[in-house]
Amino acid sequence: MRIAVTGAGGFCGSHVALAAAALGLDVLCYGRSPGPVGRHVHWDATTGDPDLAGADLVVHCAAAVADLPRGSAGEAGQYAVNVTGTARLLRAAAGRPVVQVSSASVYDPRIGRSWIMEHHPTEGGHLNAYGRTKAAAERLALEAGAVVLRPRAVYGPGDPHLAPQLLARVRHGLLLLPGGDVRISLTAVQNLADACLAALGLTGGRAWTPGAYNIADDRHYRRDDAVRRVLAAHGVRARIGHVPTPLARLAARTGRVPGLTPYAVDQLATGVTLDLGRSRTQHWRPLWDLDTVLLLDRATAAARGASADD
């Protein structure tokens, strides 16, 4: 069985490629940069259709994930990757089973998200181009009969987004977060990779029914505790302070704090938890959580240290 993974040189795609190879699949890694295993097939989502000859199954992870405000210079490029690129991928797939990795950022933030099911509106209210373009892309995928996965705040080994952004905001032993502590869903990248393969029927069950599915860890987290533990795992001890949410939103709108955007404030200040009932109907259960991921990180770091000593 041969599987095509787009965006295999990126964070989520690389984990999907590794998980597929561990199952004994022949992996084709599509993208501008090579994946960690298998054969690299160059594909630029902005220039043409991928050549999927020989692929039996497809996982579409390729995406432009920058937090760009409406009307920014980079929004057209993000649309070209996320929307036009998805259309090209679906056209090339030509009936092959497709799993598209979307995002919980497609959900309309104007409506309460303390407990989100898949029927939550996705048609508007997005705070950046990423949410808008991912929502448009997944509509194409759903119309084509694909399985669409909606993870939230993906973290884990090689994370280029969440942990680095938190670490960069620590100043003099203090990390300021918008609003009070809230309950949130997070998604270990290992759970996302497992869901991608399970949705294709590769891990012992049937292929999932086409449609959208929330994907997250099997537990919810308190934001402040999760942040402290991630910082500690990187050797950073910092006190967490709280900035009133209206003040943080004002600072984001006016650009007074570099890198602080309305989307970033929303992600940190709003309690967002995903209902996993629909994915459970497919007999899928997430096996990883923050405890197991941080334990793996510590074990990996210890092994590297021992290797360096040798």
Protein backbone atom coordinates (compact mmCIF):
# COMPACT_ATOMS: atom_id res chain seq x y z
CA MET A 1 0.00 0.00 0.00
CA ARG A 2 1.43 3.38 -1.00
CA ILE A 3 0.41 6.59 0.76
CA ALA A 4 0.97 10.17 -0.39
CA VAL A 5 1.53 12.73 2.38
CA THR A 6 1.53 16.38 1.34
CA GLY A 7 3.47 18.82 3.46
CA ALA A 8 5.58 15.91 4.71
CA GLY A 9 8.51 18.23 5.33
CA GLY A 10 6.46 20.18 7.89
CA PHE A 11 5.51 19.55 11.49
CA CYS A 12 2.25 17.58 11.16
CA GLY A 13 3.08 16.02 7.81
CA SER A 14 6.41 14.65 9.02
CA HIS A 15 4.72 12.87 11.92
CA VAL A 16 2.10 11.39 9.58
CA ALA A 17 4.85 10.17 7.24
CA LEU A 18 6.78 8.56 10.11
CA ALA A 19 3.66 6.89 11.49
CA ALA A 20 2.77 5.55 8.04
CA ALA A 21 6.27 4.17 7.54
CA ALA A 22 6.07 2.49 10.96
CA LEU A 23 3.03 0.58 9.68
CA GLY A 24 5.08 -0.67 6.74
CA LEU A 25 3.53 1.58 4.11
CA ASP A 26 5.48 2.93 1.16
CA VAL A 27 5.49 6.69 1.77
CA LEU A 28 5.56 9.37 -0.91
CA CYS A 29 6.41 12.76 0.63
CA TYR A 30 5.00 15.67 -1.39
CA GLY A 31 6.14 19.22 -0.88
CA ARG A 32 8.86 21.74 -1.50
CA SER A 33 11.14 20.08 1.06
CA PRO A 34 11.75 16.35 1.68
CA GLY A 35 9.98 14.43 4.40
CA PRO A 36 11.69 12.33 7.08
CA VAL A 37 11.16 8.99 5.30
CA GLY A 38 10.17 7.57 1.93
CA ARG A 39 10.56 9.22 -1.45
CA HIS A 40 10.41 12.96 -1.97
CA VAL A 41 8.12 14.17 -4.75
CA HIS A 42 8.51 17.89 -5.35
CA TRP A 43 5.20 19.77 -5.30
CA ASP A 44 4.54 23.47 -4.94
CA ALA A 45 0.85 23.86 -4.06
CA THR A 46 0.83 27.31 -5.68
CA THR A 47 1.93 26.23 -9.15
CA GLY A 48 0.23 23.04 -10.29
CA ASP A 49 -1.43 19.70 -9.58
CA PRO A 50 0.62 17.02 -7.81
CA ASP A 51 1.43 13.84 -9.72
CA LEU A 52 -0.19 11.16 -7.55
CA ALA A 53 0.55 8.28 -9.91
CA GLY A 54 1.17 5.17 -7.86
CA ALA A 55 -0.44 6.51 -4.68
CA ASP A 56 -3.35 4.55 -3.23
CA LEU A 57 -4.22 6.87 -0.33
CA VAL A 58 -3.69 10.57 0.39
CA VAL A 59 -3.21 12.62 3.56
CA HIS A 60 -3.22 16.35 2.80
CA CYS A 61 -1.23 18.26 5.43
CA ALA A 62 0.32 20.98 3.26
CA ALA A 63 -0.74 24.41 4.50
CA ALA A 64 0.40 27.97 5.07
CA VAL A 65 -0.18 28.60 8.77
CA ALA A 66 0.97 32.19 9.37
CA ASP A 67 -1.27 34.43 11.51
CA LEU A 68 -2.03 37.10 8.90
CA PRO A 69 -4.60 39.87 9.43
CA ARG A 70 -7.25 40.65 6.83
CA GLY A 71 -5.85 42.56 3.88
CA SER A 72 -2.22 41.76 4.64
CA ALA A 73 0.25 41.38 1.80
CA GLY A 74 0.67 37.66 2.45
CA GLU A 75 -3.02 36.72 2.42
CA ALA A 76 -3.08 36.00 -1.32
CA GLY A 77 -0.20 33.59 -0.91
CA GLN A 78 -1.95 31.86 1.97
CA TYR A 79 -5.08 31.49 -0.15
CA ALA A 80 -3.00 30.05 -2.99
CA VAL A 81 -1.60 27.32 -0.73
CA ASN A 82 -4.58 26.54 1.48
CA VAL A 83 -7.49 26.88 -0.94
CA THR A 84 -6.16 26.64 -4.49
CA GLY A 85 -3.60 24.05 -3.41
CA THR A 86 -6.34 21.93 -1.85
CA ALA A 87 -8.41 22.19 -5.03
CA ARG A 88 -5.41 20.98 -7.03
CA LEU A 89 -4.79 18.10 -4.64
CA LEU A 90 -8.42 16.98 -4.76
CA ARG A 91 -8.45 17.13 -8.55
CA ALA A 92 -5.29 15.04 -8.75
CA ALA A 93 -6.61 12.53 -6.20
CA ALA A 94 -9.28 11.51 -8.71
CA GLY A 95 -11.35 9.28 -6.44
CA ARG A 96 -8.58 8.11 -4.11
CA PRO A 97 -9.42 8.21 -0.38
CA VAL A 98 -8.32 11.59 1.02
CA VAL A 99 -7.86 12.79 4.59
CA GLN A 100 -7.45 16.54 4.89
CA VAL A 101 -5.89 18.06 8.01
CA SER A 102 -7.89 21.20 8.73
CA SER A 103 -8.05 23.14 12.01
CA ALA A 104 -10.41 24.10 14.83
CA SER A 105 -9.61 27.67 13.73
CA VAL A 106 -12.38 27.23 11.13
CA TYR A 107 -15.00 27.59 13.88
CA ASP A 108 -16.75 30.97 14.11
CA PRO A 109 -15.27 32.71 17.20
CA ARG A 110 -18.32 34.93 17.65
CA ILE A 111 -20.29 31.97 19.00
CA GLY A 112 -19.48 30.31 22.33
CA ARG A 113 -16.86 27.58 22.02
CA SER A 114 -16.77 26.10 25.50
CA TRP A 115 -17.99 22.81 23.98
CA ILE A 116 -17.67 22.58 20.20
CA MET A 117 -19.31 19.95 18.06
CA GLU A 118 -18.73 19.64 14.34
CA HIS A 119 -21.95 21.43 13.42
CA HIS A 120 -20.62 24.68 14.95
CA PRO A 121 -20.70 27.36 12.19
CA THR A 122 -17.57 27.79 10.07
CA GLU A 123 -18.81 30.36 7.57
CA GLY A 124 -17.57 33.61 9.11
CA GLY A 125 -16.09 35.64 11.93
CA HIS A 126 -12.55 34.36 11.43
CA LEU A 127 -9.88 36.52 13.02
CA ASN A 128 -7.18 35.91 10.43
CA ALA A 129 -6.56 34.64 6.93
CA TYR A 130 -5.58 31.22 8.21
CA GLY A 131 -9.03 30.51 9.65
CA ARG A 132 -10.77 31.87 6.55
CA THR A 133 -8.64 29.94 4.07
CA LYS A 134 -8.73 26.68 6.03
CA ALA A 135 -12.53 26.93 6.22
CA ALA A 136 -12.73 27.50 2.47
CA ALA A 137 -10.33 24.61 1.83
CA GLU A 138 -12.23 22.14 3.94
CA ARG A 139 -15.49 23.01 2.23
CA LEU A 140 -13.88 21.85 -1.01
CA ALA A 141 -12.66 18.68 0.68
CA LEU A 142 -16.05 17.89 2.19
CA GLU A 143 -17.77 18.43 -1.14
CA ALA A 144 -15.30 15.97 -2.68
CA GLY A 145 -16.14 13.29 -0.08
CA ALA A 146 -12.96 13.52 1.98
CA VAL A 147 -12.49 12.99 5.69
CA VAL A 148 -11.62 16.34 7.31
CA LEU A 149 -9.86 16.44 10.70
CA ARG A 150 -10.05 19.51 12.94
CA PRO A 151 -7.30 19.52 15.59
CA ARG A 152 -6.71 22.40 17.98
CA ALA A 153 -3.32 23.76 19.09
CA VAL A 154 -1.17 20.90 17.85
CA TYR A 155 1.94 20.35 19.97
CA GLY A 156 4.71 17.80 20.32
CA PRO A 157 8.24 17.00 19.12
CA GLY A 158 9.40 19.53 16.54
CA ASP A 159 6.59 22.02 17.30
CA PRO A 160 7.51 25.21 15.40
CA HIS A 161 4.61 27.32 16.66
CA LEU A 162 3.13 27.01 20.16
CA ALA A 163 6.15 26.41 22.39
CA PRO A 164 8.49 28.81 20.53
CA GLN A 165 5.91 31.60 20.71
CA LEU A 166 5.41 31.10 24.46
CA LEU A 167 9.15 30.99 25.11
CA ALA A 168 9.68 34.17 23.11
CA ARG A 169 7.21 36.09 25.32
CA VAL A 170 8.90 35.36 28.64
CA ARG A 171 10.48 38.55 29.95
CA HIS A 172 12.55 38.67 33.16
CA GLY A 173 10.90 35.53 34.53
CA LEU A 174 7.37 36.70 33.72
CA LEU A 175 4.93 35.55 31.05
CA LEU A 176 1.85 37.72 30.58
CA LEU A 177 -1.27 35.94 29.30
CA PRO A 178 -4.54 37.59 28.27
CA GLY A 179 -7.48 37.00 30.57
CA GLY A 180 -7.87 34.57 33.44
CA ASP A 181 -7.25 30.86 33.42
CA VAL A 182 -9.52 28.89 31.04
CA ARG A 183 -10.14 25.29 30.06
CA ILE A 184 -8.81 24.28 26.65
CA SER A 185 -8.35 21.40 24.25
CA LEU A 186 -4.90 20.59 22.90
CA THR A 187 -3.88 18.01 20.30
CA ALA A 188 -0.71 15.97 20.56
CA VAL A 189 0.76 15.63 17.07
CA GLN A 190 0.97 11.86 17.65
CA ASN A 191 -2.81 11.76 18.15
CA LEU A 192 -3.32 13.71 14.93
CA ALA A 193 -1.04 11.37 12.97
CA ASP A 194 -2.81 8.34 14.41
CA ALA A 195 -6.21 9.80 13.47
CA CYS A 196 -5.04 10.41 9.89
CA LEU A 197 -4.12 6.75 9.46
CA ALA A 198 -7.14 5.46 11.36
CA ALA A 199 -9.43 7.51 9.11
CA LEU A 200 -8.00 5.64 6.12
CA GLY A 201 -8.67 2.29 7.78
CA LEU A 202 -4.97 1.53 8.27
CA THR A 203 -4.87 0.77 12.00
CA GLY A 204 -7.25 -2.13 12.35
CA GLY A 205 -10.63 -0.50 11.86
CA ARG A 206 -12.76 0.57 8.94
CA ALA A 207 -12.14 3.74 6.99
CA TRP A 208 -14.08 6.62 8.49
CA THR A 209 -17.27 7.93 6.96
CA PRO A 210 -16.58 11.12 4.95
CA GLY A 211 -17.16 14.29 6.94
CA ALA A 212 -15.60 16.52 9.58
CA TYR A 213 -14.19 15.25 12.88
CA ASN A 214 -12.76 17.04 15.90
CA ILE A 215 -9.39 15.64 16.95
CA ALA A 216 -7.81 16.38 20.33
CA ASP A 217 -6.34 14.78 23.42
CA ASP A 218 -8.72 12.71 25.55
CA ARG A 219 -8.55 15.24 28.38
CA HIS A 220 -8.98 18.98 28.76
CA TYR A 221 -6.33 21.23 30.28
CA ARG A 222 -6.20 24.32 32.43
CA ARG A 223 -4.35 26.83 30.30
CA ASP A 224 -2.00 28.18 32.97
CA ASP A 225 -0.95 24.74 34.18
CA ALA A 226 -0.29 23.53 30.63
CA VAL A 227 1.79 26.63 29.87
CA ARG A 228 3.85 26.24 33.06
CA ARG A 229 4.58 22.62 32.24
CA VAL A 230 5.63 23.39 28.67
CA LEU A 231 7.94 26.17 29.85
CA ALA A 232 9.43 23.92 32.53
CA ALA A 233 10.04 21.19 29.95
CA HIS A 234 12.20 23.74 28.08
CA GLY A 235 14.09 24.68 31.25
CA VAL A 236 12.24 27.97 31.74
CA ARG A 237 10.82 28.89 35.13
CA ALA A 238 8.46 31.81 34.77
CA ARG A 239 5.68 33.39 36.76
CA ILE A 240 2.39 33.80 34.86
CA GLY A 241 0.66 37.16 35.02
CA HIS A 242 -2.79 38.00 33.69
CA VAL A 243 -3.64 40.99 31.52
CA PRO A 244 -7.35 41.92 31.29
CA THR A 245 -8.72 40.56 28.03
CA PRO A 246 -10.14 43.92 26.79
CA LEU A 247 -6.73 45.53 27.29
CA ALA A 248 -5.01 42.67 25.44
CA ARG A 249 -7.49 42.97 22.57
CA LEU A 250 -6.88 46.71 22.35
CA ALA A 251 -3.14 46.15 22.25
CA ALA A 252 -3.61 43.56 19.50
CA ARG A 253 -5.80 45.83 17.39
CA THR A 254 -3.44 48.78 17.66
CA GLY A 255 -0.27 46.77 17.11
CA ARG A 256 1.34 48.12 20.28
CA VAL A 257 2.77 44.70 21.20
CA PRO A 258 4.81 43.15 18.38
CA GLY A 259 3.43 39.78 17.34
CA LEU A 260 0.27 40.11 19.42
CA THR A 261 -2.76 39.69 17.15
CA PRO A 262 -6.52 39.37 17.74
CA TYR A 263 -6.22 35.69 16.82
CA ALA A 264 -3.43 35.11 19.35
CA VAL A 265 -5.45 36.80 22.09
CA ASP A 266 -8.49 34.71 21.22
CA GLN A 267 -6.49 31.47 21.25
CA LEU A 268 -5.10 32.20 24.71
CA ALA A 269 -7.97 33.99 26.42
CA THR A 270 -10.96 31.91 25.30
CA GLY A 271 -11.99 28.59 26.77
CA VAL A 272 -12.23 26.26 23.75
CA THR A 273 -12.89 22.55 24.15
CA LEU A 274 -13.67 20.07 21.40
CA ASP A 275 -16.30 17.35 21.63
CA LEU A 276 -14.79 14.07 20.38
CA GLY A 277 -18.04 12.14 20.19
CA ARG A 278 -18.04 11.88 16.42
CA SER A 279 -14.50 10.54 16.17
CA ARG A 280 -15.31 8.04 18.92
CA THR A 281 -18.14 6.66 16.79
CA GLN A 282 -15.36 5.54 14.43
CA HIS A 283 -13.78 3.60 17.34
CA TRP A 284 -10.86 6.02 17.61
CA ARG A 285 -9.38 7.01 20.95
CA PRO A 286 -6.44 9.39 21.47
CA LEU A 287 -3.60 7.68 23.34
CA TRP A 288 -1.25 10.63 23.88
CA ASP A 289 -1.55 13.60 26.22
CA LEU A 290 0.68 16.30 27.66
CA ASP A 291 2.07 13.91 30.29
CA THR A 292 3.17 11.28 27.79
CA VAL A 293 4.50 13.80 25.27
CA LEU A 294 6.62 15.61 27.88
CA LEU A 295 7.85 12.26 29.21
CA LEU A 296 8.93 11.34 25.68
CA ASP A 297 10.65 14.70 25.30
CA ARG A 298 12.61 14.18 28.53
CA ALA A 299 13.60 10.65 27.52
CA THR A 300 14.73 11.87 24.09
CA ALA A 301 16.75 14.71 25.62
CA ALA A 302 18.38 12.29 28.08
CA ALA A 303 19.28 9.90 25.26
CA ARG A 304 20.85 12.74 23.27
CA GLY A 305 22.83 13.83 26.31
CA ALA A 306 24.12 10.28 26.85
CA SER A 307 25.06 10.03 23.19
CA ALA A 308 26.95 13.33 23.37
CA ASP A 309 28.86 12.10 26.44
CA ASP A 310 29.90 8.98 24.55
